[in-house]
Amino acid sequence: MFPTLIGTVVIAGIVGYASERSGFTRNGILPSIIICIGGAFLAYFIRLMFGIGFGSPGLNAIASSIGALIIVPFHWRRRR
């Protein structure tokens, strides 16, 4: 269980860094990594408690990190 959690955090950090470097987001490197890790933690614990997920923990981490990057910045962005 612990190595899965560490792997989830590492994968989420890589997805956050890669999304910022590729231009997918414009939040900054550290905020993108934090958003991805938060989404990955949420998906990890949902999988642990309810068994809902895509099958492999790595795929869950990638999908939840991308989902968090899409949802969180748009939700908190101010409307003009």
PDB file of N, CA and C in Angstrom:
ATOM      1  N   MET A   1       0.821  -1.188   0.000  1.00  0.00           N
ATOM      2  CA  MET A   1       0.000   0.000   0.000  1.00  0.00           C
ATOM      3  C   MET A   1       0.867   1.254   0.000  1.00  0.00           C
ATOM      4  N   PHE A   2       1.913   1.289   0.816  1.00  0.00           N
ATOM      5  CA  PHE A   2       2.781   2.469   0.875  1.00  0.00           C
ATOM      6  C   PHE A   2       3.544   2.709  -0.428  1.00  0.00           C
ATOM      7  N   PRO A   3       4.125   1.679  -1.078  1.00  0.00           N
ATOM      8  CA  PRO A   3       4.796   1.935  -2.362  1.00  0.00           C
ATOM      9  C   PRO A   3       3.824   2.440  -3.438  1.00  0.00           C
ATOM     10  N   THR A   4       2.587   1.998  -3.387  1.00  0.00           N
ATOM     11  CA  THR A   4       1.592   2.487  -4.347  1.00  0.00           C
ATOM     12  C   THR A   4       1.333   3.971  -4.131  1.00  0.00           C
ATOM     13  N   LEU A   5       1.261   4.392  -2.878  1.00  0.00           N
ATOM     14  CA  LEU A   5       1.044   5.804  -2.566  1.00  0.00           C
ATOM     15  C   LEU A   5       2.223   6.655  -3.031  1.00  0.00           C
ATOM     16  N   ILE A   6       3.431   6.185  -2.794  1.00  0.00           N
ATOM     17  CA  ILE A   6       4.622   6.918  -3.233  1.00  0.00           C
ATOM     18  C   ILE A   6       4.675   6.989  -4.755  1.00  0.00           C
ATOM     19  N   GLY A   7       4.357   5.891  -5.428  1.00  0.00           N
ATOM     20  CA  GLY A   7       4.335   5.886  -6.889  1.00  0.00           C
ATOM     21  C   GLY A   7       3.288   6.825  -7.441  1.00  0.00           C
ATOM     22  N   THR A   8       2.141   6.899  -6.778  1.00  0.00           N
ATOM     23  CA  THR A   8       1.081   7.816  -7.196  1.00  0.00           C
ATOM     24  C   THR A   8       1.557   9.254  -7.108  1.00  0.00           C
ATOM     25  N   VAL A   9       2.239   9.597  -6.037  1.00  0.00           N
ATOM     26  CA  VAL A   9       2.751  10.962  -5.868  1.00  0.00           C
ATOM     27  C   VAL A   9       3.808  11.277  -6.914  1.00  0.00           C
ATOM     28  N   VAL A  10       4.691  10.335  -7.185  1.00  0.00           N
ATOM     29  CA  VAL A  10       5.744  10.558  -8.182  1.00  0.00           C
ATOM     30  C   VAL A  10       5.143  10.739  -9.575  1.00  0.00           C
ATOM     31  N   ILE A  11       4.215   9.880  -9.943  1.00  0.00           N
ATOM     32  CA  ILE A  11       3.576   9.988 -11.260  1.00  0.00           C
ATOM     33  C   ILE A  11       2.822  11.301 -11.383  1.00  0.00           C
ATOM     34  N   ALA A  12       2.105  11.692 -10.326  1.00  0.00           N
ATOM     35  CA  ALA A  12       1.372  12.960 -10.359  1.00  0.00           C
ATOM     36  C   ALA A  12       2.330  14.149 -10.501  1.00  0.00           C
ATOM     37  N   GLY A  13       3.452  14.103  -9.818  1.00  0.00           N
ATOM     38  CA  GLY A  13       4.438  15.176  -9.954  1.00  0.00           C
ATOM     39  C   GLY A  13       5.006  15.264 -11.355  1.00  0.00           C
ATOM     40  N   ILE A  14       5.261  14.122 -11.963  1.00  0.00           N
ATOM     41  CA  ILE A  14       5.774  14.109 -13.336  1.00  0.00           C
ATOM     42  C   ILE A  14       4.733  14.651 -14.305  1.00  0.00           C
ATOM     43  N   VAL A  15       3.478  14.269 -14.118  1.00  0.00           N
ATOM     44  CA  VAL A  15       2.407  14.774 -14.993  1.00  0.00           C
ATOM     45  C   VAL A  15       2.267  16.285 -14.829  1.00  0.00           C
ATOM     46  N   GLY A  16       2.320  16.786 -13.599  1.00  0.00           N
ATOM     47  CA  GLY A  16       2.227  18.232 -13.363  1.00  0.00           C
ATOM     48  C   GLY A  16       3.372  18.995 -14.003  1.00  0.00           C
ATOM     49  N   TYR A  17       4.580  18.487 -13.865  1.00  0.00           N
ATOM     50  CA  TYR A  17       5.746  19.141 -14.464  1.00  0.00           C
ATOM     51  C   TYR A  17       5.671  19.105 -15.992  1.00  0.00           C
ATOM     52  N   ALA A  18       5.316  17.945 -16.521  1.00  0.00           N
ATOM     53  CA  ALA A  18       5.255  17.805 -17.981  1.00  0.00           C
ATOM     54  C   ALA A  18       4.151  18.668 -18.585  1.00  0.00           C
ATOM     55  N   SER A  19       3.032  18.781 -17.897  1.00  0.00           N
ATOM     56  CA  SER A  19       1.947  19.607 -18.435  1.00  0.00           C
ATOM     57  C   SER A  19       2.329  21.078 -18.442  1.00  0.00           C
ATOM     58  N   GLU A  20       3.086  21.501 -17.472  1.00  0.00           N
ATOM     59  CA  GLU A  20       3.514  22.893 -17.437  1.00  0.00           C
ATOM     60  C   GLU A  20       4.589  23.171 -18.479  1.00  0.00           C
ATOM     61  N   ARG A  21       5.517  22.250 -18.645  1.00  0.00           N
ATOM     62  CA  ARG A  21       6.589  22.450 -19.625  1.00  0.00           C
ATOM     63  C   ARG A  21       6.091  22.354 -21.063  1.00  0.00           C
ATOM     64  N   SER A  22       5.034  21.565 -21.277  1.00  0.00           N
ATOM     65  CA  SER A  22       4.520  21.408 -22.645  1.00  0.00           C
ATOM     66  C   SER A  22       3.579  22.535 -23.046  1.00  0.00           C
ATOM     67  N   GLY A  23       3.143  23.345 -22.087  1.00  0.00           N
ATOM     68  CA  GLY A  23       2.240  24.439 -22.404  1.00  0.00           C
ATOM     69  C   GLY A  23       0.769  24.085 -22.247  1.00  0.00           C
ATOM     70  N   PHE A  24       0.475  22.919 -21.699  1.00  0.00           N
ATOM     71  CA  PHE A  24      -0.917  22.519 -21.475  1.00  0.00           C
ATOM     72  C   PHE A  24      -1.580  23.421 -20.432  1.00  0.00           C
ATOM     73  N   THR A  25      -0.828  23.835 -19.428  1.00  0.00           N
ATOM     74  CA  THR A  25      -1.319  24.761 -18.412  1.00  0.00           C
ATOM     75  C   THR A  25      -0.363  25.933 -18.296  1.00  0.00           C
ATOM     76  N   ARG A  26      -0.852  27.003 -17.667  1.00  0.00           N
ATOM     77  CA  ARG A  26      -0.017  28.173 -17.412  1.00  0.00           C
ATOM     78  C   ARG A  26      -0.173  28.610 -15.960  1.00  0.00           C
ATOM     79  N   ASN A  27      -0.095  27.648 -15.049  1.00  0.00           N
ATOM     80  CA  ASN A  27      -0.245  27.945 -13.623  1.00  0.00           C
ATOM     81  C   ASN A  27       1.080  28.222 -12.941  1.00  0.00           C
ATOM     82  N   GLY A  28       2.146  27.728 -13.476  1.00  0.00           N
ATOM     83  CA  GLY A  28       3.440  27.702 -12.812  1.00  0.00           C
ATOM     84  C   GLY A  28       3.760  26.251 -12.485  1.00  0.00           C
ATOM     85  N   ILE A  29       5.026  25.951 -12.372  1.00  0.00           N
ATOM     86  CA  ILE A  29       5.423  24.555 -12.172  1.00  0.00           C
ATOM     87  C   ILE A  29       4.955  24.037 -10.815  1.00  0.00           C
ATOM     88  N   LEU A  30       5.232  24.759  -9.747  1.00  0.00           N
ATOM     89  CA  LEU A  30       4.860  24.285  -8.416  1.00  0.00           C
ATOM     90  C   LEU A  30       3.346  24.181  -8.220  1.00  0.00           C
ATOM     91  N   PRO A  31       2.544  25.187  -8.618  1.00  0.00           N
ATOM     92  CA  PRO A  31       1.091  25.014  -8.478  1.00  0.00           C
ATOM     93  C   PRO A  31       0.538  23.844  -9.291  1.00  0.00           C
ATOM     94  N   SER A  32       1.074  23.606 -10.478  1.00  0.00           N
ATOM     95  CA  SER A  32       0.612  22.476 -11.280  1.00  0.00           C
ATOM     96  C   SER A  32       0.931  21.150 -10.606  1.00  0.00           C
ATOM     97  N   ILE A  33       2.119  21.046 -10.029  1.00  0.00           N
ATOM     98  CA  ILE A  33       2.491  19.816  -9.332  1.00  0.00           C
ATOM     99  C   ILE A  33       1.603  19.612  -8.109  1.00  0.00           C
ATOM    100  N   ILE A  34       1.321  20.684  -7.372  1.00  0.00           N
ATOM    101  CA  ILE A  34       0.471  20.573  -6.187  1.00  0.00           C
ATOM    102  C   ILE A  34      -0.953  20.171  -6.566  1.00  0.00           C
ATOM    103  N   ILE A  35      -1.486  20.741  -7.632  1.00  0.00           N
ATOM    104  CA  ILE A  35      -2.829  20.389  -8.105  1.00  0.00           C
ATOM    105  C   ILE A  35      -2.871  18.919  -8.505  1.00  0.00           C
ATOM    106  N   CYS A  36      -1.867  18.459  -9.229  1.00  0.00           N
ATOM    107  CA  CYS A  36      -1.821  17.057  -9.661  1.00  0.00           C
ATOM    108  C   CYS A  36      -1.718  16.100  -8.488  1.00  0.00           C
ATOM    109  N   ILE A  37      -0.886  16.424  -7.515  1.00  0.00           N
ATOM    110  CA  ILE A  37      -0.738  15.551  -6.350  1.00  0.00           C
ATOM    111  C   ILE A  37      -2.037  15.500  -5.555  1.00  0.00           C
ATOM    112  N   GLY A  38      -2.729  16.625  -5.437  1.00  0.00           N
ATOM    113  CA  GLY A  38      -4.015  16.626  -4.742  1.00  0.00           C
ATOM    114  C   GLY A  38      -5.046  15.754  -5.437  1.00  0.00           C
ATOM    115  N   GLY A  39      -5.125  15.857  -6.754  1.00  0.00           N
ATOM    116  CA  GLY A  39      -6.055  15.013  -7.504  1.00  0.00           C
ATOM    117  C   GLY A  39      -5.698  13.543  -7.416  1.00  0.00           C
ATOM    118  N   ALA A  40      -4.418  13.245  -7.435  1.00  0.00           N
ATOM    119  CA  ALA A  40      -3.980  11.851  -7.343  1.00  0.00           C
ATOM    120  C   ALA A  40      -4.256  11.263  -5.961  1.00  0.00           C
ATOM    121  N   PHE A  41      -4.053  12.065  -4.902  1.00  0.00           N
ATOM    122  CA  PHE A  41      -4.398  11.609  -3.556  1.00  0.00           C
ATOM    123  C   PHE A  41      -5.886  11.302  -3.451  1.00  0.00           C
ATOM    124  N   LEU A  42      -6.698  12.188  -3.992  1.00  0.00           N
ATOM    125  CA  LEU A  42      -8.137  11.981  -3.951  1.00  0.00           C
ATOM    126  C   LEU A  42      -8.530  10.684  -4.662  1.00  0.00           C
ATOM    127  N   ALA A  43      -7.999  10.468  -5.842  1.00  0.00           N
ATOM    128  CA  ALA A  43      -8.310   9.246  -6.589  1.00  0.00           C
ATOM    129  C   ALA A  43      -7.765   8.010  -5.874  1.00  0.00           C
ATOM    130  N   TYR A  44      -6.595   8.123  -5.251  1.00  0.00           N
ATOM    131  CA  TYR A  44      -6.023   6.990  -4.527  1.00  0.00           C
ATOM    132  C   TYR A  44      -6.915   6.580  -3.361  1.00  0.00           C
ATOM    133  N   PHE A  45      -7.384   7.556  -2.608  1.00  0.00           N
ATOM    134  CA  PHE A  45      -8.202   7.224  -1.448  1.00  0.00           C
ATOM    135  C   PHE A  45      -9.607   6.780  -1.850  1.00  0.00           C
ATOM    136  N   ILE A  46     -10.136   7.297  -2.933  1.00  0.00           N
ATOM    137  CA  ILE A  46     -11.424   6.802  -3.441  1.00  0.00           C
ATOM    138  C   ILE A  46     -11.274   5.354  -3.872  1.00  0.00           C
ATOM    139  N   ARG A  47     -10.170   5.040  -4.530  1.00  0.00           N
ATOM    140  CA  ARG A  47      -9.912   3.653  -4.927  1.00  0.00           C
ATOM    141  C   ARG A  47      -9.762   2.748  -3.701  1.00  0.00           C
ATOM    142  N   LEU A  48      -9.087   3.246  -2.687  1.00  0.00           N
ATOM    143  CA  LEU A  48      -8.863   2.468  -1.477  1.00  0.00           C
ATOM    144  C   LEU A  48     -10.165   2.225  -0.711  1.00  0.00           C
ATOM    145  N   MET A  49     -11.003   3.241  -0.612  1.00  0.00           N
ATOM    146  CA  MET A  49     -12.228   3.115   0.173  1.00  0.00           C
ATOM    147  C   MET A  49     -13.353   2.426  -0.581  1.00  0.00           C
ATOM    148  N   PHE A  50     -13.535   2.766  -1.848  1.00  0.00           N
ATOM    149  CA  PHE A  50     -14.706   2.290  -2.576  1.00  0.00           C
ATOM    150  C   PHE A  50     -14.399   1.323  -3.709  1.00  0.00           C
ATOM    151  N   GLY A  51     -13.137   1.211  -4.098  1.00  0.00           N
ATOM    152  CA  GLY A  51     -12.773   0.306  -5.181  1.00  0.00           C
ATOM    153  C   GLY A  51     -13.091   0.833  -6.560  1.00  0.00           C
ATOM    154  N   ILE A  52     -13.314   2.137  -6.679  1.00  0.00           N
ATOM    155  CA  ILE A  52     -13.639   2.736  -7.969  1.00  0.00           C
ATOM    156  C   ILE A  52     -12.344   3.216  -8.616  1.00  0.00           C
ATOM    157  N   GLY A  53     -12.073   2.776  -9.851  1.00  0.00           N
ATOM    158  CA  GLY A  53     -10.865   3.203 -10.535  1.00  0.00           C
ATOM    159  C   GLY A  53     -10.746   2.557 -11.894  1.00  0.00           C
ATOM    160  N   PHE A  54      -9.616   2.785 -12.538  1.00  0.00           N
ATOM    161  CA  PHE A  54      -9.378   2.276 -13.888  1.00  0.00           C
ATOM    162  C   PHE A  54      -8.681   0.925 -13.906  1.00  0.00           C
ATOM    163  N   GLY A  55      -8.256   0.407 -12.800  1.00  0.00           N
ATOM    164  CA  GLY A  55      -7.589  -0.887 -12.777  1.00  0.00           C
ATOM    165  C   GLY A  55      -6.198  -0.787 -12.200  1.00  0.00           C
ATOM    166  N   SER A  56      -5.311  -0.081 -12.869  1.00  0.00           N
ATOM    167  CA  SER A  56      -3.947   0.038 -12.352  1.00  0.00           C
ATOM    168  C   SER A  56      -3.782   1.373 -11.620  1.00  0.00           C
ATOM    169  N   PRO A  57      -3.003   1.395 -10.554  1.00  0.00           N
ATOM    170  CA  PRO A  57      -2.804   2.643  -9.814  1.00  0.00           C
ATOM    171  C   PRO A  57      -2.118   3.727 -10.650  1.00  0.00           C
ATOM    172  N   GLY A  58      -1.244   3.330 -11.566  1.00  0.00           N
ATOM    173  CA  GLY A  58      -0.574   4.315 -12.413  1.00  0.00           C
ATOM    174  C   GLY A  58      -1.532   5.020 -13.348  1.00  0.00           C
ATOM    175  N   LEU A  59      -2.442   4.269 -13.933  1.00  0.00           N
ATOM    176  CA  LEU A  59      -3.442   4.872 -14.817  1.00  0.00           C
ATOM    177  C   LEU A  59      -4.388   5.768 -14.029  1.00  0.00           C
ATOM    178  N   ASN A  60      -4.732   5.356 -12.817  1.00  0.00           N
ATOM    179  CA  ASN A  60      -5.547   6.217 -11.955  1.00  0.00           C
ATOM    180  C   ASN A  60      -4.834   7.527 -11.651  1.00  0.00           C
ATOM    181  N   ALA A  61      -3.541   7.469 -11.374  1.00  0.00           N
ATOM    182  CA  ALA A  61      -2.771   8.672 -11.052  1.00  0.00           C
ATOM    183  C   ALA A  61      -2.706   9.614 -12.245  1.00  0.00           C
ATOM    184  N   ILE A  62      -2.487   9.076 -13.427  1.00  0.00           N
ATOM    185  CA  ILE A  62      -2.400   9.918 -14.617  1.00  0.00           C
ATOM    186  C   ILE A  62      -3.745  10.565 -14.929  1.00  0.00           C
ATOM    187  N   ALA A  63      -4.815   9.763 -14.914  1.00  0.00           N
ATOM    188  CA  ALA A  63      -6.138  10.296 -15.243  1.00  0.00           C
ATOM    189  C   ALA A  63      -6.605  11.329 -14.215  1.00  0.00           C
ATOM    190  N   SER A  64      -6.381  11.060 -12.946  1.00  0.00           N
ATOM    191  CA  SER A  64      -6.822  12.005 -11.924  1.00  0.00           C
ATOM    192  C   SER A  64      -5.990  13.283 -11.936  1.00  0.00           C
ATOM    193  N   SER A  65      -4.710  13.186 -12.265  1.00  0.00           N
ATOM    194  CA  SER A  65      -3.868  14.379 -12.340  1.00  0.00           C
ATOM    195  C   SER A  65      -4.300  15.280 -13.486  1.00  0.00           C
ATOM    196  N   ILE A  66      -4.573  14.701 -14.628  1.00  0.00           N
ATOM    197  CA  ILE A  66      -5.025  15.494 -15.768  1.00  0.00           C
ATOM    198  C   ILE A  66      -6.401  16.091 -15.482  1.00  0.00           C
ATOM    199  N   GLY A  67      -7.267  15.295 -14.867  1.00  0.00           N
ATOM    200  CA  GLY A  67      -8.586  15.806 -14.508  1.00  0.00           C
ATOM    201  C   GLY A  67      -8.508  16.967 -13.534  1.00  0.00           C
ATOM    202  N   ALA A  68      -7.633  16.873 -12.546  1.00  0.00           N
ATOM    203  CA  ALA A  68      -7.475  17.961 -11.583  1.00  0.00           C
ATOM    204  C   ALA A  68      -6.914  19.208 -12.254  1.00  0.00           C
ATOM    205  N   LEU A  69      -6.000  19.028 -13.205  1.00  0.00           N
ATOM    206  CA  LEU A  69      -5.447  20.183 -13.914  1.00  0.00           C
ATOM    207  C   LEU A  69      -6.503  20.878 -14.764  1.00  0.00           C
ATOM    208  N   ILE A  70      -7.462  20.129 -15.248  1.00  0.00           N
ATOM    209  CA  ILE A  70      -8.518  20.734 -16.058  1.00  0.00           C
ATOM    210  C   ILE A  70      -9.554  21.421 -15.168  1.00  0.00           C
ATOM    211  N   ILE A  71      -9.948  20.771 -14.080  1.00  0.00           N
ATOM    212  CA  ILE A  71     -11.038  21.284 -13.248  1.00  0.00           C
ATOM    213  C   ILE A  71     -10.610  22.450 -12.360  1.00  0.00           C
ATOM    214  N   VAL A  72      -9.527  22.313 -11.628  1.00  0.00           N
ATOM    215  CA  VAL A  72      -9.176  23.292 -10.591  1.00  0.00           C
ATOM    216  C   VAL A  72      -8.863  24.675 -11.147  1.00  0.00           C
ATOM    217  N   PRO A  73      -8.004  24.850 -12.144  1.00  0.00           N
ATOM    218  CA  PRO A  73      -7.730  26.216 -12.603  1.00  0.00           C
ATOM    219  C   PRO A  73      -8.955  26.917 -13.190  1.00  0.00           C
ATOM    220  N   PHE A  74      -9.819  26.189 -13.877  1.00  0.00           N
ATOM    221  CA  PHE A  74     -11.000  26.824 -14.437  1.00  0.00           C
ATOM    222  C   PHE A  74     -12.001  27.183 -13.344  1.00  0.00           C
ATOM    223  N   HIS A  75     -12.047  26.386 -12.296  1.00  0.00           N
ATOM    224  CA  HIS A  75     -12.982  26.656 -11.208  1.00  0.00           C
ATOM    225  C   HIS A  75     -12.573  27.913 -10.437  1.00  0.00           C
ATOM    226  N   TRP A  76     -11.293  28.126 -10.230  1.00  0.00           N
ATOM    227  CA  TRP A  76     -10.835  29.251  -9.413  1.00  0.00           C
ATOM    228  C   TRP A  76     -10.487  30.490 -10.221  1.00  0.00           C
ATOM    229  N   ARG A  77     -10.522  30.409 -11.533  1.00  0.00           N
ATOM    230  CA  ARG A  77     -10.189  31.562 -12.365  1.00  0.00           C
ATOM    231  C   ARG A  77     -11.285  32.608 -12.258  1.00  0.00           C
ATOM    232  N   ARG A  78     -10.905  33.846 -12.139  1.00  0.00           N
ATOM    233  CA  ARG A  78     -11.892  34.917 -12.006  1.00  0.00           C
ATOM    234  C   ARG A  78     -12.524  35.240 -13.349  1.00  0.00           C
ATOM    235  N   ARG A  79     -13.786  35.540 -13.283  1.00  0.00           N
ATOM    236  CA  ARG A  79     -14.507  35.947 -14.501  1.00  0.00           C
ATOM    237  C   ARG A  79     -14.403  37.447 -14.654  1.00  0.00           C
ATOM    238  N   ARG A  80     -14.256  37.886 -15.882  1.00  0.00           N
ATOM    239  CA  ARG A  80     -14.113  39.334 -16.118  1.00  0.00           C
ATOM    240  C   ARG A  80     -15.338  39.894 -16.752  1.00  0.00           C
TER     241      ARG A  80
END
